[in-house]
Amino acid sequence: MRRDASPSGRILRALSSLTLTIVGLALLMILVAVCTLLQVSMGTHRAVEAVIRTGLVWWTSPGGTRIPVFPGGGLVGGVLLVNLVFAQFLRLELSWRKAGMWMAHLGLALLFVGEFATALMQVESQMPVEIGQTRDYSEDARRVELDAVDATSPDGDTVTAIPDSFLKPGAEIAHPSLPFTLAVREFYRNSSFRMRRPDDPPSPATAGVGPRIFVREAPEVGSDDEQNVPAVLVDARRGGEDLGSFWLSPGMGAPQGLELDGKTWRFWLRPRRYYLPFSLTLKEFHHDVYPGTDIPKNFSSLVRLDDPAAHEDRDARIYMNHPLRYAGLTFYQASFGRGDRLSVFQVVRNPGWRIPYLACALVALGLLWHFALKLSASLKGVR
């Protein structure tokens, strides 16, 4: 059969070539090695986001200019997926004899699709709960939100949550629920602060605790055991009226705010919250160790799951390698504290979590089919 020498034919051959497959796999191996090394200084999450779950790997020059230096895992994975699809349809014979290879190739393609789905849709958060406490929300350990809270009503607070993606210097935030605007002057991903000294420059904050503290930007932490302490400086305004400038940070503890038109407003900068349509109450927590040692043997939590809308009210035990799956969420036993009275759950929302299982099953089934046919043909040849 004569090969197509047209430009489109050459492009199709290039996209389905084995050379492209080998180059892509080699690039992935390099990216995995680089990501592993960077985890020491950047932490696991930041290293994966900077190297694997990105189209390009960027380098920031001393002057602050970002320069692409290497294809990222997203780009390489996308090229390999295209290469796999074209190779399957252009090079693989469509017959029962090759059905096993078709299933195996489809499984490999689903593995790439599953990783893209996880990168785009997975949300991880944490839920710390003390014994006897009930929680109906989880918190993001890596993202924050600015909450403007109308705390006037004794029946409950009205919260306007502003994601950290809006907290850029120079941004002005307005919302119909707020009788004022919030202008962002500074936003630090990590910060340090202390009480002000007489020789410090004047504070940019004029309200709350800000005038008494000195805040400065700090490098983002890299270890998975450390946590950034973000800070934001906002100006509250109504028309031409200045209502005060506030430093806000999760590390400052108490909220700050103002009184306006008979209403009490409070401002928080806190971990982003994901509210749930159900609640969990921690009834028991057990921290078992091997006899005569301090080596952990088992962590387990007994929780009460209450979902009135679904008429669900039952106990569930969460322990290592046995998470609770409910309403599209998975609750893992992650940590503990406060004298074994606090249990911390890792909460994962990943709509594509079944895709890798289906992909591996297809690969296994396809290989079994393929080798079974080969074995059958071989045995017939012996006879």
Protein backbone atom coordinates (compact mmCIF):
# COMPACT_ATOMS: atom_id res chain seq x y z
CA MET A 1 0.00 0.00 0.00
CA ARG A 2 1.49 3.35 -1.09
CA ARG A 3 2.06 5.88 1.65
CA ASP A 4 0.23 9.19 1.46
CA ALA A 5 2.87 11.82 0.56
CA SER A 6 0.52 14.81 0.98
CA PRO A 7 1.14 17.33 3.79
CA SER A 8 -1.86 15.97 5.73
CA GLY A 9 -0.54 12.43 5.33
CA ARG A 10 2.86 13.42 6.70
CA ILE A 11 1.22 15.15 9.67
CA LEU A 12 -0.89 12.07 10.42
CA ARG A 13 2.18 9.80 10.26
CA ALA A 14 4.07 12.13 12.58
CA LEU A 15 1.23 12.22 15.10
CA SER A 16 0.98 8.42 15.14
CA SER A 17 4.72 7.68 15.02
CA LEU A 18 6.56 5.53 17.53
CA THR A 19 9.28 8.19 17.68
CA LEU A 20 6.81 10.69 19.12
CA THR A 21 5.76 8.09 21.69
CA ILE A 22 9.35 7.48 22.82
CA VAL A 23 10.14 11.22 22.99
CA GLY A 24 6.96 11.87 25.01
CA LEU A 25 7.69 9.06 27.47
CA ALA A 26 11.29 10.29 27.87
CA LEU A 27 10.04 13.82 28.62
CA LEU A 28 7.58 12.42 31.18
CA MET A 29 10.41 10.54 32.91
CA ILE A 30 12.44 13.76 33.11
CA LEU A 31 9.45 15.67 34.49
CA VAL A 32 8.80 13.04 37.15
CA ALA A 33 12.45 13.14 38.24
CA VAL A 34 12.47 16.95 38.36
CA CYS A 35 9.17 17.04 40.27
CA THR A 36 10.53 14.54 42.82
CA LEU A 37 13.63 16.69 43.42
CA LEU A 38 11.63 19.92 43.68
CA GLN A 39 9.37 18.47 46.36
CA VAL A 40 12.21 18.95 48.86
CA SER A 41 12.20 22.74 48.45
CA MET A 42 8.68 23.44 47.17
CA GLY A 43 6.54 20.80 48.83
CA THR A 44 4.51 18.11 47.07
CA HIS A 45 1.53 20.21 45.97
CA ARG A 46 3.48 23.18 44.58
CA ALA A 47 5.96 20.91 42.80
CA VAL A 48 3.18 18.92 41.11
CA GLU A 49 1.37 22.11 40.08
CA ALA A 50 4.56 23.70 38.73
CA VAL A 51 5.85 20.68 36.78
CA ILE A 52 3.17 18.05 36.15
CA ARG A 53 -0.16 19.87 36.05
CA THR A 54 0.90 22.66 33.75
CA GLY A 55 1.37 23.19 30.04
CA LEU A 56 4.81 24.75 30.40
CA VAL A 57 7.44 24.74 33.14
CA TRP A 58 8.37 28.34 33.92
CA TRP A 59 11.52 29.88 35.37
CA THR A 60 11.37 33.25 37.10
CA SER A 61 14.41 35.42 36.55
CA PRO A 62 15.89 37.57 39.35
CA GLY A 63 14.10 40.52 37.74
CA GLY A 64 10.73 38.77 38.04
CA THR A 65 10.30 37.82 34.36
CA ARG A 66 8.70 34.41 33.77
CA ILE A 67 10.34 32.39 30.98
CA PRO A 68 9.13 28.98 29.70
CA VAL A 69 12.00 26.50 29.90
CA PHE A 70 10.45 23.04 29.35
CA PRO A 71 7.17 21.44 28.27
CA GLY A 72 5.01 20.63 31.29
CA GLY A 73 3.21 17.43 32.11
CA GLY A 74 -0.10 18.74 30.79
CA LEU A 75 1.36 19.46 27.34
CA VAL A 76 3.35 16.21 27.16
CA GLY A 77 0.38 14.17 28.35
CA GLY A 78 -1.90 15.82 25.81
CA VAL A 79 0.54 15.06 22.97
CA LEU A 80 0.86 11.43 24.11
CA LEU A 81 -2.92 11.09 24.23
CA VAL A 82 -3.21 12.41 20.66
CA ASN A 83 -0.36 10.12 19.60
CA LEU A 84 -2.08 7.10 21.18
CA VAL A 85 -5.43 7.85 19.53
CA PHE A 86 -3.93 8.37 16.06
CA ALA A 87 -1.71 5.29 16.37
CA GLN A 88 -4.72 3.21 17.38
CA PHE A 89 -6.93 4.27 14.47
CA LEU A 90 -4.25 4.50 11.78
CA ARG A 91 -1.97 1.59 12.61
CA LEU A 92 -4.05 -0.95 14.49
CA GLU A 93 -6.11 -3.43 12.52
CA LEU A 94 -9.83 -3.32 13.26
CA SER A 95 -10.60 -7.00 13.84
CA TRP A 96 -11.49 -9.48 16.59
CA ARG A 97 -7.90 -10.70 16.42
CA LYS A 98 -6.75 -7.28 17.62
CA ALA A 99 -9.65 -6.65 20.01
CA GLY A 100 -7.39 -7.15 23.02
CA MET A 101 -4.97 -4.47 21.84
CA TRP A 102 -7.86 -2.12 21.15
CA MET A 103 -9.05 -2.54 24.75
CA ALA A 104 -5.53 -2.07 26.13
CA HIS A 105 -5.02 1.11 24.07
CA LEU A 106 -8.41 2.43 25.17
CA GLY A 107 -7.44 1.77 28.79
CA LEU A 108 -4.18 3.71 28.36
CA ALA A 109 -6.07 6.61 26.80
CA LEU A 110 -8.49 6.61 29.75
CA LEU A 111 -5.55 6.84 32.16
CA PHE A 112 -4.55 10.13 30.52
CA VAL A 113 -8.16 11.32 30.54
CA GLY A 114 -8.43 10.41 34.24
CA GLU A 115 -5.36 12.47 35.12
CA PHE A 116 -6.69 15.49 33.20
CA ALA A 117 -10.07 15.09 34.95
CA THR A 118 -8.36 14.93 38.34
CA ALA A 119 -6.21 17.99 37.62
CA LEU A 120 -9.21 20.04 36.48
CA MET A 121 -11.96 18.90 38.85
CA GLN A 122 -10.43 17.48 42.04
CA VAL A 123 -10.84 19.60 45.17
CA GLU A 124 -9.01 18.73 48.38
CA SER A 125 -9.82 20.19 51.76
CA GLN A 126 -9.66 19.33 55.45
CA MET A 127 -12.22 18.97 58.21
CA PRO A 128 -10.87 19.16 61.77
CA VAL A 129 -13.48 17.99 64.28
CA GLU A 130 -13.24 17.64 68.06
CA ILE A 131 -15.05 14.91 69.98
CA GLY A 132 -18.67 15.99 70.39
CA GLN A 133 -18.36 18.69 67.72
CA THR A 134 -20.51 18.84 64.57
CA ARG A 135 -19.22 20.22 61.27
CA ASP A 136 -21.01 20.87 57.98
CA TYR A 137 -18.09 22.40 56.06
CA SER A 138 -14.48 21.66 55.18
CA GLU A 139 -11.59 24.10 54.76
CA ASP A 140 -9.00 24.48 52.01
CA ALA A 141 -5.49 24.39 53.46
CA ARG A 142 -4.00 26.21 50.46
CA ARG A 143 -6.60 28.82 49.57
CA VAL A 144 -8.23 31.62 51.55
CA GLU A 145 -11.26 33.84 51.25
CA LEU A 146 -12.12 37.27 52.54
CA ASP A 147 -15.43 37.12 54.38
CA ALA A 148 -17.51 40.23 55.00
CA VAL A 149 -19.99 39.20 57.70
CA ASP A 150 -23.19 41.02 58.65
CA ALA A 151 -23.31 39.99 62.32
CA THR A 152 -26.29 42.17 63.26
CA SER A 153 -29.07 39.59 63.44
CA PRO A 154 -29.20 37.34 66.53
CA ASP A 155 -30.63 34.58 64.31
CA GLY A 156 -27.40 34.16 62.37
CA ASP A 157 -24.73 35.83 60.27
CA THR A 158 -24.94 36.76 56.59
CA VAL A 159 -21.62 36.02 54.92
CA THR A 160 -20.30 37.41 51.64
CA ALA A 161 -17.27 35.31 50.66
CA ILE A 162 -14.66 36.72 48.28
CA PRO A 163 -12.22 34.11 46.83
CA ASP A 164 -8.49 34.84 46.97
CA SER A 165 -8.39 35.05 43.15
CA PHE A 166 -10.03 38.50 43.54
CA LEU A 167 -7.50 39.68 46.11
CA LYS A 168 -5.08 41.39 43.77
CA PRO A 169 -3.46 44.75 44.58
CA GLY A 170 -5.46 47.48 42.89
CA ALA A 171 -8.68 45.43 42.70
CA GLU A 172 -11.91 46.98 43.94
CA ILE A 173 -14.55 44.57 45.18
CA ALA A 174 -18.23 45.46 45.14
CA HIS A 175 -21.24 43.22 45.77
CA PRO A 176 -24.98 43.93 46.08
CA SER A 177 -24.97 42.53 49.63
CA LEU A 178 -22.33 45.04 50.75
CA PRO A 179 -23.12 48.73 51.41
CA PHE A 180 -19.45 49.54 50.80
CA THR A 181 -16.59 48.54 48.51
CA LEU A 182 -13.31 46.91 49.47
CA ALA A 183 -10.19 48.11 47.68
CA VAL A 184 -7.22 45.74 47.87
CA ARG A 185 -3.92 47.51 48.51
CA GLU A 186 -1.67 44.53 49.35
CA PHE A 187 -2.01 40.76 49.32
CA TYR A 188 0.74 38.45 50.62
CA ARG A 189 0.61 34.69 50.09
CA ASN A 190 2.76 34.42 53.19
CA SER A 191 3.52 37.02 55.82
CA SER A 192 5.06 37.64 59.20
CA PHE A 193 3.90 40.20 61.74
CA ARG A 194 4.83 41.53 65.15
CA MET A 195 3.89 44.35 67.47
CA ARG A 196 5.01 47.74 66.17
CA ARG A 197 8.09 49.51 67.54
CA PRO A 198 8.68 53.25 67.87
CA ASP A 199 11.18 53.25 64.97
CA ASP A 200 8.84 51.48 62.52
CA PRO A 201 7.38 53.47 59.60
CA PRO A 202 3.74 54.60 59.92
CA SER A 203 1.19 51.83 59.57
CA PRO A 204 -0.91 51.81 56.37
CA ALA A 205 -3.82 50.44 58.44
CA THR A 206 -6.08 52.91 60.28
CA ALA A 207 -8.67 50.59 61.89
CA GLY A 208 -8.87 47.35 63.83
CA VAL A 209 -5.62 45.90 65.18
CA GLY A 210 -3.65 46.97 62.11
CA PRO A 211 -2.22 50.22 63.55
CA ARG A 212 -0.60 48.22 66.38
CA ILE A 213 1.16 45.56 64.28
CA PHE A 214 3.94 45.53 61.70
CA VAL A 215 3.23 43.28 58.69
CA ARG A 216 5.66 42.29 55.98
CA GLU A 217 5.72 39.80 53.13
CA ALA A 218 7.52 36.49 53.68
CA PRO A 219 8.69 33.80 51.23
CA GLU A 220 6.18 31.04 50.63
CA VAL A 221 6.98 27.92 52.62
CA GLY A 222 7.96 24.76 50.79
CA SER A 223 7.62 21.97 53.33
CA ASP A 224 4.39 19.99 53.50
CA ASP A 225 4.57 20.33 57.30
CA GLU A 226 4.52 24.14 57.16
CA GLN A 227 1.69 26.47 56.24
CA ASN A 228 1.59 29.94 54.74
CA VAL A 229 0.04 32.78 56.71
CA PRO A 230 -1.51 35.08 54.09
CA ALA A 231 -2.35 38.70 54.79
CA VAL A 232 -4.36 41.35 52.93
CA LEU A 233 -4.64 45.11 53.37
CA VAL A 234 -8.05 46.47 52.31
CA ASP A 235 -9.66 49.89 52.33
CA ALA A 236 -13.39 50.03 53.11
CA ARG A 237 -15.12 52.87 51.27
CA ARG A 238 -18.64 54.14 50.66
CA GLY A 239 -18.71 56.66 47.86
CA GLY A 240 -16.08 59.22 48.77
CA GLU A 241 -16.18 58.28 52.46
CA ASP A 242 -13.18 56.41 53.91
CA LEU A 243 -14.39 53.79 56.41
CA GLY A 244 -10.96 52.57 57.44
CA SER A 245 -8.03 50.44 56.27
CA PHE A 246 -7.66 46.92 57.72
CA TRP A 247 -4.90 44.34 57.88
CA LEU A 248 -6.53 40.89 57.80
CA SER A 249 -4.85 37.52 58.32
CA PRO A 250 -5.76 34.05 59.67
CA GLY A 251 -2.89 34.47 62.10
CA MET A 252 -4.47 37.47 63.80
CA GLY A 253 -7.22 35.48 65.48
CA ALA A 254 -10.20 37.75 66.15
CA PRO A 255 -12.09 39.42 63.29
CA GLN A 256 -12.13 43.16 62.73
CA GLY A 257 -14.89 45.34 61.43
CA LEU A 258 -16.98 48.47 61.63
CA GLU A 259 -20.40 49.80 62.56
CA LEU A 260 -22.38 51.25 59.66
CA ASP A 261 -26.04 52.39 59.54
CA GLY A 262 -26.89 50.45 62.69
CA LYS A 263 -25.31 47.23 61.39
CA THR A 264 -22.27 45.37 62.68
CA TRP A 265 -19.82 44.22 60.02
CA ARG A 266 -16.92 41.85 60.64
CA PHE A 267 -14.04 41.03 58.30
CA TRP A 268 -12.18 37.72 58.20
CA LEU A 269 -9.37 36.34 56.09
CA ARG A 270 -9.66 32.61 56.67
CA PRO A 271 -9.28 29.28 54.84
CA ARG A 272 -11.77 28.90 52.03
CA ARG A 273 -14.83 26.94 53.16
CA TYR A 274 -16.81 24.33 51.27
CA TYR A 275 -20.23 23.92 52.84
CA LEU A 276 -21.85 20.47 52.77
CA PRO A 277 -25.54 19.51 52.56
CA PHE A 278 -24.99 17.20 55.54
CA SER A 279 -23.05 17.20 58.81
CA LEU A 280 -20.58 14.96 60.62
CA THR A 281 -20.36 14.65 64.40
CA LEU A 282 -17.24 13.07 65.90
CA LYS A 283 -18.33 10.58 68.56
CA GLU A 284 -15.06 8.71 69.21
CA PHE A 285 -11.42 8.83 68.17
CA HIS A 286 -8.90 6.05 68.80
CA HIS A 287 -5.14 6.30 68.45
CA ASP A 288 -3.60 2.86 68.87
CA VAL A 289 0.14 2.12 69.05
CA TYR A 290 2.14 -1.08 69.02
CA PRO A 291 2.67 -2.42 72.58
CA GLY A 292 5.76 -0.98 74.25
CA THR A 293 6.40 1.60 71.51
CA ASP A 294 5.18 4.98 70.26
CA ILE A 295 4.79 3.64 66.71
CA PRO A 296 1.25 4.30 65.41
CA LYS A 297 -0.74 1.17 64.70
CA ASN A 298 -4.15 2.57 63.86
CA PHE A 299 -6.14 5.81 63.77
CA SER A 300 -9.91 5.55 63.65
CA SER A 301 -12.87 7.90 64.05
CA LEU A 302 -16.48 7.07 64.74
CA VAL A 303 -18.72 9.75 63.22
CA ARG A 304 -22.44 10.36 63.02
CA LEU A 305 -23.60 11.19 59.49
CA ASP A 306 -26.76 13.33 59.41
CA ASP A 307 -28.36 14.27 56.09
CA PRO A 308 -32.01 15.29 56.66
CA ALA A 309 -32.71 15.86 52.96
CA ALA A 310 -31.71 12.27 52.12
CA HIS A 311 -33.18 10.84 55.37
CA GLU A 312 -29.69 9.58 56.25
CA ASP A 313 -28.80 9.31 59.92
CA ARG A 314 -26.22 6.65 60.76
CA ASP A 315 -22.82 5.96 62.29
CA ALA A 316 -19.72 5.37 60.18
CA ARG A 317 -16.17 4.48 61.10
CA ILE A 318 -13.27 6.12 59.24
CA TYR A 319 -9.82 4.62 59.59
CA MET A 320 -6.63 4.09 57.62
CA ASN A 321 -7.28 2.82 54.08
CA HIS A 322 -11.03 2.72 54.82
CA PRO A 323 -12.50 6.13 53.96
CA LEU A 324 -16.12 7.20 54.09
CA ARG A 325 -17.62 7.86 50.65
CA TYR A 326 -20.80 9.91 50.59
CA ALA A 327 -22.46 12.43 48.24
CA GLY A 328 -19.50 12.51 45.86
CA LEU A 329 -17.00 13.14 48.66
CA THR A 330 -14.38 10.88 50.21
CA PHE A 331 -13.36 11.38 53.85
CA TYR A 332 -9.93 9.98 54.78
CA GLN A 333 -8.43 9.73 58.25
CA ALA A 334 -5.53 12.18 57.88
CA SER A 335 -4.32 13.42 61.26
CA PHE A 336 -5.19 14.11 64.89
CA GLY A 337 -4.28 16.42 67.78
CA ARG A 338 -5.20 18.07 71.07
CA GLY A 339 -4.54 15.03 73.19
CA ASP A 340 -6.38 12.67 70.84
CA ARG A 341 -9.57 14.71 71.10
CA LEU A 342 -9.26 16.22 67.61
CA SER A 343 -9.55 14.22 64.39
CA VAL A 344 -8.62 15.70 61.00
CA PHE A 345 -10.26 14.32 57.86
CA GLN A 346 -8.92 14.85 54.36
CA VAL A 347 -11.96 15.60 52.19
CA VAL A 348 -11.64 14.89 48.47
CA ARG A 349 -14.13 15.69 45.73
CA ASN A 350 -13.02 13.96 42.52
CA PRO A 351 -15.79 13.22 39.98
CA GLY A 352 -13.33 11.20 37.89
CA TRP A 353 -12.06 8.88 40.61
CA ARG A 354 -13.53 5.79 38.90
CA ILE A 355 -11.74 6.42 35.60
CA PRO A 356 -8.33 4.93 36.63
CA TYR A 357 -10.05 1.75 37.89
CA LEU A 358 -11.93 1.37 34.60
CA ALA A 359 -8.73 2.09 32.66
CA CYS A 360 -6.70 -0.55 34.53
CA ALA A 361 -9.52 -3.09 34.11
CA LEU A 362 -9.60 -2.46 30.35
CA VAL A 363 -5.81 -2.80 30.05
CA ALA A 364 -5.83 -6.05 32.05
CA LEU A 365 -8.79 -7.47 30.11
CA GLY A 366 -7.26 -6.45 26.79
CA LEU A 367 -3.92 -8.06 27.56
CA LEU A 368 -5.62 -11.25 28.78
CA TRP A 369 -7.66 -11.40 25.57
CA HIS A 370 -4.59 -10.77 23.41
CA PHE A 371 -2.35 -13.32 25.10
CA ALA A 372 -5.17 -15.88 25.25
CA LEU A 373 -5.54 -15.65 21.47
CA LYS A 374 -1.77 -15.95 21.04
CA LEU A 375 -1.68 -18.98 23.31
CA SER A 376 -4.59 -20.59 21.50
CA ALA A 377 -2.91 -20.05 18.13
CA SER A 378 0.34 -21.43 19.49
CA LEU A 379 -1.35 -24.56 20.83
CA LYS A 380 -3.10 -25.14 17.50
CA GLY A 381 0.26 -24.88 15.77
CA VAL A 382 1.73 -27.53 18.10
CA ARG A 383 -1.10 -29.93 17.26
